[in-house]
Amino acid sequence: MRGSQVSFAFADGYAVVQALIDRGVIGDFRAPNIMRFGFTPLYLDQADVVRAAEILEDVMKSESWKDPKYQVRSRVT
């Protein structure tokens, strides 16, 4: 209720997070399939959150996360 993050489970979460990072939305991946996004009022406002959600929607609808460059796993996201 008072947390400062939201998490989503998605089978290809790693690739989605990489596609988002490529577009300027910084998320975090936790195995096996969790995408995490932090909310810090000091740095983010409502417009930032809305824009991030729009970018997430585009990445998911366009399936841009399927690009092979987002499939390569590094040790840190």
PDB file of N, CA and C in Angstrom:
ATOM      1  N   MET A   1       0.820  -1.189   0.000  1.00  0.00           N
ATOM      2  CA  MET A   1       0.000   0.000   0.000  1.00  0.00           C
ATOM      3  C   MET A   1       0.874   1.266   0.000  1.00  0.00           C
ATOM      4  N   ARG A   2       2.037   1.208   0.638  1.00  0.00           N
ATOM      5  CA  ARG A   2       2.908   2.374   0.671  1.00  0.00           C
ATOM      6  C   ARG A   2       4.199   2.149  -0.099  1.00  0.00           C
ATOM      7  N   GLY A   3       4.222   1.116  -0.919  1.00  0.00           N
ATOM      8  CA  GLY A   3       5.428   0.808  -1.682  1.00  0.00           C
ATOM      9  C   GLY A   3       5.702   1.862  -2.741  1.00  0.00           C
ATOM     10  N   SER A   4       6.922   1.858  -3.216  1.00  0.00           N
ATOM     11  CA  SER A   4       7.302   2.834  -4.227  1.00  0.00           C
ATOM     12  C   SER A   4       7.682   2.159  -5.532  1.00  0.00           C
ATOM     13  N   GLN A   5       7.063   1.007  -5.784  1.00  0.00           N
ATOM     14  CA  GLN A   5       7.333   0.317  -7.036  1.00  0.00           C
ATOM     15  C   GLN A   5       6.096  -0.434  -7.487  1.00  0.00           C
ATOM     16  N   VAL A   6       6.105  -0.752  -8.773  1.00  0.00           N
ATOM     17  CA  VAL A   6       5.069  -1.612  -9.329  1.00  0.00           C
ATOM     18  C   VAL A   6       5.787  -2.698 -10.111  1.00  0.00           C
ATOM     19  N   SER A   7       5.265  -3.905 -10.039  1.00  0.00           N
ATOM     20  CA  SER A   7       5.896  -5.044 -10.713  1.00  0.00           C
ATOM     21  C   SER A   7       4.877  -5.743 -11.592  1.00  0.00           C
ATOM     22  N   PHE A   8       5.364  -6.224 -12.729  1.00  0.00           N
ATOM     23  CA  PHE A   8       4.549  -6.983 -13.668  1.00  0.00           C
ATOM     24  C   PHE A   8       5.278  -8.274 -13.994  1.00  0.00           C
ATOM     25  N   ALA A   9       4.537  -9.371 -14.081  1.00  0.00           N
ATOM     26  CA  ALA A   9       5.104 -10.633 -14.519  1.00  0.00           C
ATOM     27  C   ALA A   9       4.792 -10.808 -16.002  1.00  0.00           C
ATOM     28  N   PHE A  10       5.827 -11.161 -16.763  1.00  0.00           N
ATOM     29  CA  PHE A  10       5.657 -11.406 -18.194  1.00  0.00           C
ATOM     30  C   PHE A  10       6.745 -12.381 -18.613  1.00  0.00           C
ATOM     31  N   ALA A  11       6.376 -13.407 -19.358  1.00  0.00           N
ATOM     32  CA  ALA A  11       7.334 -14.460 -19.722  1.00  0.00           C
ATOM     33  C   ALA A  11       8.606 -13.904 -20.352  1.00  0.00           C
ATOM     34  N   ASP A  12       8.496 -12.886 -21.179  1.00  0.00           N
ATOM     35  CA  ASP A  12       9.660 -12.292 -21.839  1.00  0.00           C
ATOM     36  C   ASP A  12       9.995 -10.932 -21.228  1.00  0.00           C
ATOM     37  N   GLY A  13       9.860 -10.855 -19.920  1.00  0.00           N
ATOM     38  CA  GLY A  13      10.086  -9.602 -19.206  1.00  0.00           C
ATOM     39  C   GLY A  13      11.464  -9.016 -19.402  1.00  0.00           C
ATOM     40  N   TYR A  14      12.479  -9.855 -19.491  1.00  0.00           N
ATOM     41  CA  TYR A  14      13.834  -9.339 -19.679  1.00  0.00           C
ATOM     42  C   TYR A  14      13.923  -8.519 -20.952  1.00  0.00           C
ATOM     43  N   ALA A  15      13.428  -9.067 -22.048  1.00  0.00           N
ATOM     44  CA  ALA A  15      13.490  -8.375 -23.337  1.00  0.00           C
ATOM     45  C   ALA A  15      12.667  -7.090 -23.316  1.00  0.00           C
ATOM     46  N   VAL A  16      11.519  -7.117 -22.657  1.00  0.00           N
ATOM     47  CA  VAL A  16      10.687  -5.914 -22.563  1.00  0.00           C
ATOM     48  C   VAL A  16      11.436  -4.816 -21.814  1.00  0.00           C
ATOM     49  N   VAL A  17      12.054  -5.167 -20.692  1.00  0.00           N
ATOM     50  CA  VAL A  17      12.811  -4.174 -19.919  1.00  0.00           C
ATOM     51  C   VAL A  17      13.946  -3.597 -20.766  1.00  0.00           C
ATOM     52  N   GLN A  18      14.618  -4.437 -21.532  1.00  0.00           N
ATOM     53  CA  GLN A  18      15.698  -3.936 -22.391  1.00  0.00           C
ATOM     54  C   GLN A  18      15.170  -2.971 -23.450  1.00  0.00           C
ATOM     55  N   ALA A  19      14.015  -3.287 -24.034  1.00  0.00           N
ATOM     56  CA  ALA A  19      13.408  -2.399 -25.029  1.00  0.00           C
ATOM     57  C   ALA A  19      12.997  -1.073 -24.385  1.00  0.00           C
ATOM     58  N   LEU A  20      12.491  -1.126 -23.170  1.00  0.00           N
ATOM     59  CA  LEU A  20      12.107   0.100 -22.459  1.00  0.00           C
ATOM     60  C   LEU A  20      13.332   0.954 -22.139  1.00  0.00           C
ATOM     61  N   ILE A  21      14.385   0.320 -21.663  1.00  0.00           N
ATOM     62  CA  ILE A  21      15.617   1.055 -21.351  1.00  0.00           C
ATOM     63  C   ILE A  21      16.132   1.750 -22.598  1.00  0.00           C
ATOM     64  N   ASP A  22      16.040   1.065 -23.733  1.00  0.00           N
ATOM     65  CA  ASP A  22      16.475   1.641 -25.002  1.00  0.00           C
ATOM     66  C   ASP A  22      15.679   2.895 -25.362  1.00  0.00           C
ATOM     67  N   ARG A  23      14.471   3.000 -24.827  1.00  0.00           N
ATOM     68  CA  ARG A  23      13.607   4.162 -25.086  1.00  0.00           C
ATOM     69  C   ARG A  23      13.590   5.159 -23.930  1.00  0.00           C
ATOM     70  N   GLY A  24      14.468   4.946 -22.961  1.00  0.00           N
ATOM     71  CA  GLY A  24      14.594   5.911 -21.874  1.00  0.00           C
ATOM     72  C   GLY A  24      13.776   5.627 -20.633  1.00  0.00           C
ATOM     73  N   VAL A  25      13.079   4.502 -20.602  1.00  0.00           N
ATOM     74  CA  VAL A  25      12.309   4.110 -19.414  1.00  0.00           C
ATOM     75  C   VAL A  25      13.148   3.085 -18.664  1.00  0.00           C
ATOM     76  N   ILE A  26      13.613   3.456 -17.493  1.00  0.00           N
ATOM     77  CA  ILE A  26      14.512   2.587 -16.740  1.00  0.00           C
ATOM     78  C   ILE A  26      13.706   1.685 -15.815  1.00  0.00           C
ATOM     79  N   GLY A  27      13.811   0.409 -16.081  1.00  0.00           N
ATOM     80  CA  GLY A  27      13.157  -0.600 -15.258  1.00  0.00           C
ATOM     81  C   GLY A  27      14.190  -1.579 -14.751  1.00  0.00           C
ATOM     82  N   ASP A  28      13.736  -2.549 -14.016  1.00  0.00           N
ATOM     83  CA  ASP A  28      14.608  -3.552 -13.433  1.00  0.00           C
ATOM     84  C   ASP A  28      13.977  -4.910 -13.685  1.00  0.00           C
ATOM     85  N   PHE A  29      14.779  -5.895 -13.996  1.00  0.00           N
ATOM     86  CA  PHE A  29      14.282  -7.250 -14.221  1.00  0.00           C
ATOM     87  C   PHE A  29      14.720  -8.147 -13.084  1.00  0.00           C
ATOM     88  N   ARG A  30      13.806  -8.973 -12.623  1.00  0.00           N
ATOM     89  CA  ARG A  30      14.103  -9.975 -11.596  1.00  0.00           C
ATOM     90  C   ARG A  30      13.630 -11.330 -12.112  1.00  0.00           C
ATOM     91  N   ALA A  31      14.550 -12.275 -12.156  1.00  0.00           N
ATOM     92  CA  ALA A  31      14.219 -13.625 -12.618  1.00  0.00           C
ATOM     93  C   ALA A  31      13.159 -14.233 -11.707  1.00  0.00           C
ATOM     94  N   PRO A  32      12.272 -15.022 -12.246  1.00  0.00           N
ATOM     95  CA  PRO A  32      12.329 -15.505 -13.609  1.00  0.00           C
ATOM     96  C   PRO A  32      11.630 -14.616 -14.635  1.00  0.00           C
ATOM     97  N   ASN A  33      10.686 -13.766 -14.205  1.00  0.00           N
ATOM     98  CA  ASN A  33       9.900 -13.035 -15.204  1.00  0.00           C
ATOM     99  C   ASN A  33       9.303 -11.715 -14.700  1.00  0.00           C
ATOM    100  N   ILE A  34       9.924 -11.069 -13.748  1.00  0.00           N
ATOM    101  CA  ILE A  34       9.353  -9.878 -13.113  1.00  0.00           C
ATOM    102  C   ILE A  34      10.009  -8.603 -13.642  1.00  0.00           C
ATOM    103  N   MET A  35       9.163  -7.681 -14.099  1.00  0.00           N
ATOM    104  CA  MET A  35       9.604  -6.347 -14.504  1.00  0.00           C
ATOM    105  C   MET A  35       9.222  -5.393 -13.375  1.00  0.00           C
ATOM    106  N   ARG A  36      10.190  -4.635 -12.855  1.00  0.00           N
ATOM    107  CA  ARG A  36       9.925  -3.722 -11.732  1.00  0.00           C
ATOM    108  C   ARG A  36      10.200  -2.289 -12.152  1.00  0.00           C
ATOM    109  N   PHE A  37       9.350  -1.396 -11.655  1.00  0.00           N
ATOM    110  CA  PHE A  37       9.501   0.024 -11.945  1.00  0.00           C
ATOM    111  C   PHE A  37       9.311   0.806 -10.651  1.00  0.00           C
ATOM    112  N   GLY A  38      10.270   1.659 -10.356  1.00  0.00           N
ATOM    113  CA  GLY A  38      10.219   2.438  -9.127  1.00  0.00           C
ATOM    114  C   GLY A  38       9.618   3.813  -9.359  1.00  0.00           C
ATOM    115  N   PHE A  39       8.975   4.330  -8.340  1.00  0.00           N
ATOM    116  CA  PHE A  39       8.363   5.651  -8.385  1.00  0.00           C
ATOM    117  C   PHE A  39       8.943   6.499  -7.263  1.00  0.00           C
ATOM    118  N   THR A  40       9.651   7.528  -7.634  1.00  0.00           N
ATOM    119  CA  THR A  40      10.250   8.428  -6.670  1.00  0.00           C
ATOM    120  C   THR A  40       9.711   9.831  -6.919  1.00  0.00           C
ATOM    121  N   PRO A  41       8.814  10.321  -6.060  1.00  0.00           N
ATOM    122  CA  PRO A  41       8.204  11.632  -6.285  1.00  0.00           C
ATOM    123  C   PRO A  41       9.203  12.777  -6.395  1.00  0.00           C
ATOM    124  N   LEU A  42      10.368  12.604  -5.814  1.00  0.00           N
ATOM    125  CA  LEU A  42      11.375  13.651  -5.889  1.00  0.00           C
ATOM    126  C   LEU A  42      11.857  13.855  -7.326  1.00  0.00           C
ATOM    127  N   TYR A  43      11.855  12.775  -8.119  1.00  0.00           N
ATOM    128  CA  TYR A  43      12.383  12.829  -9.482  1.00  0.00           C
ATOM    129  C   TYR A  43      11.321  12.697 -10.567  1.00  0.00           C
ATOM    130  N   LEU A  44      10.199  12.073 -10.249  1.00  0.00           N
ATOM    131  CA  LEU A  44       9.176  11.785 -11.249  1.00  0.00           C
ATOM    132  C   LEU A  44       7.884  12.525 -10.945  1.00  0.00           C
ATOM    133  N   ASP A  45       7.208  12.938 -12.010  1.00  0.00           N
ATOM    134  CA  ASP A  45       5.879  13.512 -11.817  1.00  0.00           C
ATOM    135  C   ASP A  45       4.873  12.699 -12.625  1.00  0.00           C
ATOM    136  N   GLN A  46       3.624  13.105 -12.581  1.00  0.00           N
ATOM    137  CA  GLN A  46       2.562  12.361 -13.246  1.00  0.00           C
ATOM    138  C   GLN A  46       2.824  12.234 -14.746  1.00  0.00           C
ATOM    139  N   ALA A  47       3.329  13.270 -15.365  1.00  0.00           N
ATOM    140  CA  ALA A  47       3.607  13.230 -16.803  1.00  0.00           C
ATOM    141  C   ALA A  47       4.661  12.173 -17.131  1.00  0.00           C
ATOM    142  N   ASP A  48       5.669  12.021 -16.270  1.00  0.00           N
ATOM    143  CA  ASP A  48       6.689  10.995 -16.476  1.00  0.00           C
ATOM    144  C   ASP A  48       6.084   9.594 -16.429  1.00  0.00           C
ATOM    145  N   VAL A  49       5.200   9.383 -15.465  1.00  0.00           N
ATOM    146  CA  VAL A  49       4.568   8.072 -15.303  1.00  0.00           C
ATOM    147  C   VAL A  49       3.669   7.771 -16.494  1.00  0.00           C
ATOM    148  N   VAL A  50       2.894   8.745 -16.913  1.00  0.00           N
ATOM    149  CA  VAL A  50       2.015   8.556 -18.073  1.00  0.00           C
ATOM    150  C   VAL A  50       2.837   8.250 -19.320  1.00  0.00           C
ATOM    151  N   ARG A  51       3.907   8.988 -19.533  1.00  0.00           N
ATOM    152  CA  ARG A  51       4.764   8.759 -20.705  1.00  0.00           C
ATOM    153  C   ARG A  51       5.387   7.365 -20.658  1.00  0.00           C
ATOM    154  N   ALA A  52       5.848   6.934 -19.500  1.00  0.00           N
ATOM    155  CA  ALA A  52       6.416   5.589 -19.359  1.00  0.00           C
ATOM    156  C   ALA A  52       5.372   4.521 -19.680  1.00  0.00           C
ATOM    157  N   ALA A  53       4.144   4.721 -19.222  1.00  0.00           N
ATOM    158  CA  ALA A  53       3.072   3.766 -19.509  1.00  0.00           C
ATOM    159  C   ALA A  53       2.760   3.739 -21.007  1.00  0.00           C
ATOM    160  N   GLU A  54       2.801   4.887 -21.656  1.00  0.00           N
ATOM    161  CA  GLU A  54       2.572   4.942 -23.106  1.00  0.00           C
ATOM    162  C   GLU A  54       3.672   4.194 -23.856  1.00  0.00           C
ATOM    163  N   ILE A  55       4.902   4.364 -23.417  1.00  0.00           N
ATOM    164  CA  ILE A  55       6.021   3.668 -24.055  1.00  0.00           C
ATOM    165  C   ILE A  55       5.902   2.165 -23.827  1.00  0.00           C
ATOM    166  N   LEU A  56       5.540   1.761 -22.616  1.00  0.00           N
ATOM    167  CA  LEU A  56       5.328   0.347 -22.328  1.00  0.00           C
ATOM    168  C   LEU A  56       4.237  -0.219 -23.236  1.00  0.00           C
ATOM    169  N   GLU A  57       3.152   0.510 -23.378  1.00  0.00           N
ATOM    170  CA  GLU A  57       2.065   0.065 -24.255  1.00  0.00           C
ATOM    171  C   GLU A  57       2.563  -0.118 -25.689  1.00  0.00           C
ATOM    172  N   ASP A  58       3.354   0.826 -26.175  1.00  0.00           N
ATOM    173  CA  ASP A  58       3.867   0.731 -27.541  1.00  0.00           C
ATOM    174  C   ASP A  58       4.807  -0.460 -27.703  1.00  0.00           C
ATOM    175  N   VAL A  59       5.690  -0.661 -26.736  1.00  0.00           N
ATOM    176  CA  VAL A  59       6.625  -1.794 -26.799  1.00  0.00           C
ATOM    177  C   VAL A  59       5.849  -3.108 -26.839  1.00  0.00           C
ATOM    178  N   MET A  60       4.784  -3.207 -26.040  1.00  0.00           N
ATOM    179  CA  MET A  60       4.011  -4.441 -25.995  1.00  0.00           C
ATOM    180  C   MET A  60       3.184  -4.633 -27.270  1.00  0.00           C
ATOM    181  N   LYS A  61       2.503  -3.594 -27.713  1.00  0.00           N
ATOM    182  CA  LYS A  61       1.647  -3.710 -28.907  1.00  0.00           C
ATOM    183  C   LYS A  61       2.458  -3.940 -30.180  1.00  0.00           C
ATOM    184  N   SER A  62       3.558  -3.250 -30.308  1.00  0.00           N
ATOM    185  CA  SER A  62       4.378  -3.382 -31.508  1.00  0.00           C
ATOM    186  C   SER A  62       5.258  -4.630 -31.469  1.00  0.00           C
ATOM    187  N   GLU A  63       5.357  -5.226 -30.284  1.00  0.00           N
ATOM    188  CA  GLU A  63       6.219  -6.383 -30.039  1.00  0.00           C
ATOM    189  C   GLU A  63       7.680  -6.085 -30.394  1.00  0.00           C
ATOM    190  N   SER A  64       8.076  -4.842 -30.190  1.00  0.00           N
ATOM    191  CA  SER A  64       9.458  -4.462 -30.477  1.00  0.00           C
ATOM    192  C   SER A  64      10.447  -5.195 -29.575  1.00  0.00           C
ATOM    193  N   TRP A  65       9.980  -5.702 -28.448  1.00  0.00           N
ATOM    194  CA  TRP A  65      10.831  -6.462 -27.541  1.00  0.00           C
ATOM    195  C   TRP A  65      11.317  -7.763 -28.163  1.00  0.00           C
ATOM    196  N   LYS A  66      10.703  -8.180 -29.258  1.00  0.00           N
ATOM    197  CA  LYS A  66      11.121  -9.414 -29.926  1.00  0.00           C
ATOM    198  C   LYS A  66      12.386  -9.232 -30.768  1.00  0.00           C
ATOM    199  N   ASP A  67      12.839  -8.005 -30.920  1.00  0.00           N
ATOM    200  CA  ASP A  67      14.071  -7.740 -31.653  1.00  0.00           C
ATOM    201  C   ASP A  67      15.210  -8.542 -31.019  1.00  0.00           C
ATOM    202  N   PRO A  68      16.019  -9.231 -31.831  1.00  0.00           N
ATOM    203  CA  PRO A  68      17.097 -10.056 -31.278  1.00  0.00           C
ATOM    204  C   PRO A  68      18.050  -9.310 -30.336  1.00  0.00           C
ATOM    205  N   LYS A  69      18.238  -8.011 -30.547  1.00  0.00           N
ATOM    206  CA  LYS A  69      19.164  -7.281 -29.666  1.00  0.00           C
ATOM    207  C   LYS A  69      18.672  -7.218 -28.225  1.00  0.00           C
ATOM    208  N   TYR A  70      17.368  -7.383 -28.001  1.00  0.00           N
ATOM    209  CA  TYR A  70      16.830  -7.362 -26.643  1.00  0.00           C
ATOM    210  C   TYR A  70      16.807  -8.739 -26.001  1.00  0.00           C
ATOM    211  N   GLN A  71      17.128  -9.759 -26.760  1.00  0.00           N
ATOM    212  CA  GLN A  71      17.082 -11.136 -26.256  1.00  0.00           C
ATOM    213  C   GLN A  71      18.386 -11.560 -25.571  1.00  0.00           C
ATOM    214  N   VAL A  72      19.460 -10.853 -25.848  1.00  0.00           N
ATOM    215  CA  VAL A  72      20.772 -11.194 -25.290  1.00  0.00           C
ATOM    216  C   VAL A  72      20.826 -10.765 -23.832  1.00  0.00           C
ATOM    217  N   ARG A  73      21.014 -11.725 -22.963  1.00  0.00           N
ATOM    218  CA  ARG A  73      21.025 -11.420 -21.531  1.00  0.00           C
ATOM    219  C   ARG A  73      22.414 -11.052 -21.050  1.00  0.00           C
ATOM    220  N   SER A  74      22.464  -9.953 -20.316  1.00  0.00           N
ATOM    221  CA  SER A  74      23.704  -9.575 -19.649  1.00  0.00           C
ATOM    222  C   SER A  74      23.524  -9.894 -18.165  1.00  0.00           C
ATOM    223  N   ARG A  75      24.576  -9.730 -17.410  1.00  0.00           N
ATOM    224  CA  ARG A  75      24.497 -10.065 -15.987  1.00  0.00           C
ATOM    225  C   ARG A  75      23.654  -9.074 -15.207  1.00  0.00           C
ATOM    226  N   VAL A  76      23.601  -7.831 -15.681  1.00  0.00           N
ATOM    227  CA  VAL A  76      22.860  -6.766 -14.989  1.00  0.00           C
ATOM    228  C   VAL A  76      21.915  -6.128 -15.993  1.00  0.00           C
ATOM    229  N   THR A  77      20.683  -5.800 -15.543  1.00  0.00           N
ATOM    230  CA  THR A  77      19.738  -5.142 -16.466  1.00  0.00           C
ATOM    231  C   THR A  77      19.922  -3.650 -16.443  1.00  0.00           C
TER     232      THR A  77
END
